[in-house]
Amino acid sequence: MAALSDKEQDKIKQSIEWAEKATSGEVRVCVESKCDIDAYERAITCFYDLKMEATALRNGVLIYVALDDHKFAIIGDEGINKVVPPDFWNSTKKLMVDKFKNRELAEGISIGIIEAGKQLKKYFPYQTEDNNELSDDIVFLN
């Protein structure tokens, strides 16, 4: 997988903004080139490094992608995990993998974000008084 172009980054950010209009949940994307450990474990570290647990309803979602190592993970905070079924993210992951296999990285990430927004809407609908608690910018590491 190659790095994300400016156009691809804009597409991902627009997907985050769209998803967050459907839900009070907060979605972030974290991208780095290498991941020497399990992607889920790395995503947990990034989640806390980015202070994603600081949302009022504990309903943050992180999509983590390691470009060179072709790894990714989706994790949700404890507020989400308390109410969703155990296989909540599996269908979203499958949609993303299908795009990644076709070398459509930005499309895969965007689909993951949009699906997260749709699914979170059921449990955490958008509230008129919602504040954007976390930045919509993509976080690039290493």
C-alpha atoms as a PDB file:
ATOM      1  CA  MET A   1       0.000   0.000   0.000  1.00  0.00           C
ATOM      2  CA  ALA A   2       1.251   3.447  -0.804  1.00  0.00           C
ATOM      3  CA  ALA A   3       0.917   6.621   1.211  1.00  0.00           C
ATOM      4  CA  LEU A   4      -2.301   8.596   0.943  1.00  0.00           C
ATOM      5  CA  SER A   5      -2.491  11.453  -1.559  1.00  0.00           C
ATOM      6  CA  ASP A   6      -4.000  14.797  -0.559  1.00  0.00           C
ATOM      7  CA  LYS A   7      -7.160  13.875  -2.484  1.00  0.00           C
ATOM      8  CA  GLU A   8      -7.417  10.552  -0.650  1.00  0.00           C
ATOM      9  CA  GLN A   9      -6.872  12.260   2.694  1.00  0.00           C
ATOM     10  CA  ASP A  10      -9.672  14.715   1.860  1.00  0.00           C
ATOM     11  CA  LYS A  11     -11.977  11.805   0.993  1.00  0.00           C
ATOM     12  CA  ILE A  12     -11.271  10.137   4.340  1.00  0.00           C
ATOM     13  CA  LYS A  13     -11.796  13.356   6.275  1.00  0.00           C
ATOM     14  CA  GLN A  14     -15.101  13.959   4.464  1.00  0.00           C
ATOM     15  CA  SER A  15     -16.164  10.417   5.401  1.00  0.00           C
ATOM     16  CA  ILE A  16     -15.387  11.152   9.060  1.00  0.00           C
ATOM     17  CA  GLU A  17     -17.420  14.353   8.914  1.00  0.00           C
ATOM     18  CA  TRP A  18     -20.326  12.492   7.271  1.00  0.00           C
ATOM     19  CA  ALA A  19     -20.246   9.679   9.829  1.00  0.00           C
ATOM     20  CA  GLU A  20     -20.165  12.095  12.735  1.00  0.00           C
ATOM     21  CA  LYS A  21     -23.304  13.817  11.433  1.00  0.00           C
ATOM     22  CA  ALA A  22     -25.119  10.480  11.860  1.00  0.00           C
ATOM     23  CA  THR A  23     -23.888   9.646  15.349  1.00  0.00           C
ATOM     24  CA  SER A  24     -22.641  11.206  18.543  1.00  0.00           C
ATOM     25  CA  GLY A  25     -19.718   8.768  18.249  1.00  0.00           C
ATOM     26  CA  GLU A  26     -16.258  10.037  17.377  1.00  0.00           C
ATOM     27  CA  VAL A  27     -14.259   8.407  14.575  1.00  0.00           C
ATOM     28  CA  ARG A  28     -10.508   8.760  14.042  1.00  0.00           C
ATOM     29  CA  VAL A  29      -8.063   7.248  11.594  1.00  0.00           C
ATOM     30  CA  CYS A  30      -4.470   6.493  12.529  1.00  0.00           C
ATOM     31  CA  VAL A  31      -1.970   5.515   9.832  1.00  0.00           C
ATOM     32  CA  GLU A  32       1.626   4.412  10.082  1.00  0.00           C
ATOM     33  CA  SER A  33       3.941   2.519   7.799  1.00  0.00           C
ATOM     34  CA  LYS A  34       5.141  -0.316  10.049  1.00  0.00           C
ATOM     35  CA  CYS A  35       3.576  -2.381  12.795  1.00  0.00           C
ATOM     36  CA  ASP A  36       5.778  -5.029  14.394  1.00  0.00           C
ATOM     37  CA  ILE A  37       3.068  -6.322  16.723  1.00  0.00           C
ATOM     38  CA  ASP A  38      -0.547  -7.432  16.370  1.00  0.00           C
ATOM     39  CA  ALA A  39      -2.537  -4.627  14.709  1.00  0.00           C
ATOM     40  CA  TYR A  40      -5.288  -4.775  17.331  1.00  0.00           C
ATOM     41  CA  GLU A  41      -2.761  -4.403  20.153  1.00  0.00           C
ATOM     42  CA  ARG A  42      -1.122  -1.473  18.363  1.00  0.00           C
ATOM     43  CA  ALA A  43      -4.533   0.117  17.785  1.00  0.00           C
ATOM     44  CA  ILE A  44      -5.255  -0.061  21.523  1.00  0.00           C
ATOM     45  CA  THR A  45      -2.003   1.778  22.274  1.00  0.00           C
ATOM     46  CA  CYS A  46      -2.792   4.423  19.645  1.00  0.00           C
ATOM     47  CA  PHE A  47      -6.352   4.761  20.982  1.00  0.00           C
ATOM     48  CA  TYR A  48      -5.078   5.758  24.419  1.00  0.00           C
ATOM     49  CA  ASP A  49      -2.160   7.824  23.081  1.00  0.00           C
ATOM     50  CA  LEU A  50      -4.738   9.858  21.130  1.00  0.00           C
ATOM     51  CA  LYS A  51      -6.864  10.219  24.293  1.00  0.00           C
ATOM     52  CA  MET A  52      -9.871   8.729  22.544  1.00  0.00           C
ATOM     53  CA  GLU A  53     -11.242   7.461  25.836  1.00  0.00           C
ATOM     54  CA  ALA A  54     -11.906  11.102  26.793  1.00  0.00           C
ATOM     55  CA  THR A  55     -15.290  11.316  25.023  1.00  0.00           C
ATOM     56  CA  ALA A  56     -18.289  11.912  27.278  1.00  0.00           C
ATOM     57  CA  LEU A  57     -20.105   8.716  26.234  1.00  0.00           C
ATOM     58  CA  ARG A  58     -16.938   6.645  25.722  1.00  0.00           C
ATOM     59  CA  ASN A  59     -18.021   6.118  22.113  1.00  0.00           C
ATOM     60  CA  GLY A  60     -14.846   6.716  20.140  1.00  0.00           C
ATOM     61  CA  VAL A  61     -13.856   4.480  17.226  1.00  0.00           C
ATOM     62  CA  LEU A  62     -10.339   4.130  15.872  1.00  0.00           C
ATOM     63  CA  ILE A  63      -9.487   2.732  12.466  1.00  0.00           C
ATOM     64  CA  TYR A  64      -5.805   1.844  12.545  1.00  0.00           C
ATOM     65  CA  VAL A  65      -3.846   1.035   9.367  1.00  0.00           C
ATOM     66  CA  ALA A  66      -0.200  -0.031   8.973  1.00  0.00           C
ATOM     67  CA  LEU A  67       0.486   0.638   5.291  1.00  0.00           C
ATOM     68  CA  ASP A  68       3.682  -1.290   4.572  1.00  0.00           C
ATOM     69  CA  ASP A  69       2.716  -4.274   6.698  1.00  0.00           C
ATOM     70  CA  HIS A  70      -0.827  -4.521   5.294  1.00  0.00           C
ATOM     71  CA  LYS A  71      -2.429  -4.641   8.733  1.00  0.00           C
ATOM     72  CA  PHE A  72      -5.443  -2.879  10.167  1.00  0.00           C
ATOM     73  CA  ALA A  73      -7.816  -2.938  13.101  1.00  0.00           C
ATOM     74  CA  ILE A  74     -11.005  -1.244  14.219  1.00  0.00           C
ATOM     75  CA  ILE A  75     -11.590  -0.680  17.903  1.00  0.00           C
ATOM     76  CA  GLY A  76     -14.345   0.977  19.857  1.00  0.00           C
ATOM     77  CA  ASP A  77     -14.340   2.391  23.360  1.00  0.00           C
ATOM     78  CA  GLU A  78     -16.059   0.753  26.313  1.00  0.00           C
ATOM     79  CA  GLY A  79     -19.323   2.671  25.841  1.00  0.00           C
ATOM     80  CA  ILE A  80     -19.695   1.018  22.441  1.00  0.00           C
ATOM     81  CA  ASN A  81     -18.511  -2.404  23.539  1.00  0.00           C
ATOM     82  CA  LYS A  82     -21.120  -2.504  26.332  1.00  0.00           C
ATOM     83  CA  VAL A  83     -24.044  -2.257  23.904  1.00  0.00           C
ATOM     84  CA  VAL A  84     -23.023  -3.839  20.603  1.00  0.00           C
ATOM     85  CA  PRO A  85     -22.978  -7.547  19.683  1.00  0.00           C
ATOM     86  CA  PRO A  86     -19.571  -9.310  19.878  1.00  0.00           C
ATOM     87  CA  ASP A  87     -19.206  -9.469  16.060  1.00  0.00           C
ATOM     88  CA  PHE A  88     -20.147  -5.807  15.616  1.00  0.00           C
ATOM     89  CA  TRP A  89     -17.153  -4.848  13.443  1.00  0.00           C
ATOM     90  CA  ASN A  90     -16.758  -8.017  11.351  1.00  0.00           C
ATOM     91  CA  SER A  91     -18.958  -6.945   8.423  1.00  0.00           C
ATOM     92  CA  THR A  92     -17.209  -3.569   8.314  1.00  0.00           C
ATOM     93  CA  LYS A  93     -13.799  -5.239   8.309  1.00  0.00           C
ATOM     94  CA  LYS A  94     -14.839  -7.475   5.406  1.00  0.00           C
ATOM     95  CA  LEU A  95     -15.916  -4.481   3.305  1.00  0.00           C
ATOM     96  CA  MET A  96     -12.589  -2.812   4.028  1.00  0.00           C
ATOM     97  CA  VAL A  97     -10.531  -5.907   3.191  1.00  0.00           C
ATOM     98  CA  ASP A  98     -12.295  -6.241  -0.153  1.00  0.00           C
ATOM     99  CA  LYS A  99     -11.234  -2.694  -1.083  1.00  0.00           C
ATOM    100  CA  PHE A 100      -7.715  -3.145   0.295  1.00  0.00           C
ATOM    101  CA  LYS A 101      -7.244  -6.280  -1.837  1.00  0.00           C
ATOM    102  CA  ASN A 102      -8.042  -4.140  -4.892  1.00  0.00           C
ATOM    103  CA  ARG A 103      -5.450  -1.570  -3.767  1.00  0.00           C
ATOM    104  CA  GLU A 104      -8.177   0.939  -2.969  1.00  0.00           C
ATOM    105  CA  LEU A 105      -6.801   2.072   0.377  1.00  0.00           C
ATOM    106  CA  ALA A 106      -8.659   5.372   0.778  1.00  0.00           C
ATOM    107  CA  GLU A 107     -11.905   3.797  -0.417  1.00  0.00           C
ATOM    108  CA  GLY A 108     -11.499   0.961   2.079  1.00  0.00           C
ATOM    109  CA  ILE A 109     -10.867   3.334   4.966  1.00  0.00           C
ATOM    110  CA  SER A 110     -13.775   5.550   3.889  1.00  0.00           C
ATOM    111  CA  ILE A 111     -16.146   2.590   3.705  1.00  0.00           C
ATOM    112  CA  GLY A 112     -15.063   1.548   7.184  1.00  0.00           C
ATOM    113  CA  ILE A 113     -15.754   5.028   8.525  1.00  0.00           C
ATOM    114  CA  ILE A 114     -19.159   5.282   6.864  1.00  0.00           C
ATOM    115  CA  GLU A 115     -20.179   1.814   8.080  1.00  0.00           C
ATOM    116  CA  ALA A 116     -19.037   2.690  11.597  1.00  0.00           C
ATOM    117  CA  GLY A 117     -21.203   5.814  11.467  1.00  0.00           C
ATOM    118  CA  LYS A 118     -24.234   3.867  10.235  1.00  0.00           C
ATOM    119  CA  GLN A 119     -23.870   1.197  12.887  1.00  0.00           C
ATOM    120  CA  LEU A 120     -23.143   3.641  15.718  1.00  0.00           C
ATOM    121  CA  LYS A 121     -26.227   5.656  14.789  1.00  0.00           C
ATOM    122  CA  LYS A 122     -28.349   2.785  16.178  1.00  0.00           C
ATOM    123  CA  TYR A 123     -26.754   3.039  19.610  1.00  0.00           C
ATOM    124  CA  PHE A 124     -25.476   6.608  19.712  1.00  0.00           C
ATOM    125  CA  PRO A 125     -27.717   8.799  17.529  1.00  0.00           C
ATOM    126  CA  TYR A 126     -26.600  12.310  16.715  1.00  0.00           C
ATOM    127  CA  GLN A 127     -27.747  14.879  19.269  1.00  0.00           C
ATOM    128  CA  THR A 128     -28.306  18.525  18.362  1.00  0.00           C
ATOM    129  CA  GLU A 129     -26.043  19.603  21.211  1.00  0.00           C
ATOM    130  CA  ASP A 130     -23.205  17.303  20.094  1.00  0.00           C
ATOM    131  CA  ASN A 131     -19.732  18.774  20.040  1.00  0.00           C
ATOM    132  CA  ASN A 132     -16.958  17.394  17.889  1.00  0.00           C
ATOM    133  CA  GLU A 133     -14.879  16.077  20.781  1.00  0.00           C
ATOM    134  CA  LEU A 134     -11.931  14.759  18.738  1.00  0.00           C
ATOM    135  CA  SER A 135     -10.141  16.061  15.671  1.00  0.00           C
ATOM    136  CA  ASP A 136     -11.254  14.719  12.287  1.00  0.00           C
ATOM    137  CA  ASP A 137      -7.698  14.900  10.941  1.00  0.00           C
ATOM    138  CA  ILE A 138      -5.905  11.690  10.033  1.00  0.00           C
ATOM    139  CA  VAL A 139      -3.106  10.923  12.472  1.00  0.00           C
ATOM    140  CA  PHE A 140       0.136   9.892  10.767  1.00  0.00           C
ATOM    141  CA  LEU A 141       2.746   8.142  12.889  1.00  0.00           C
ATOM    142  CA  ASN A 142       6.386   7.161  12.121  1.00  0.00           C
END
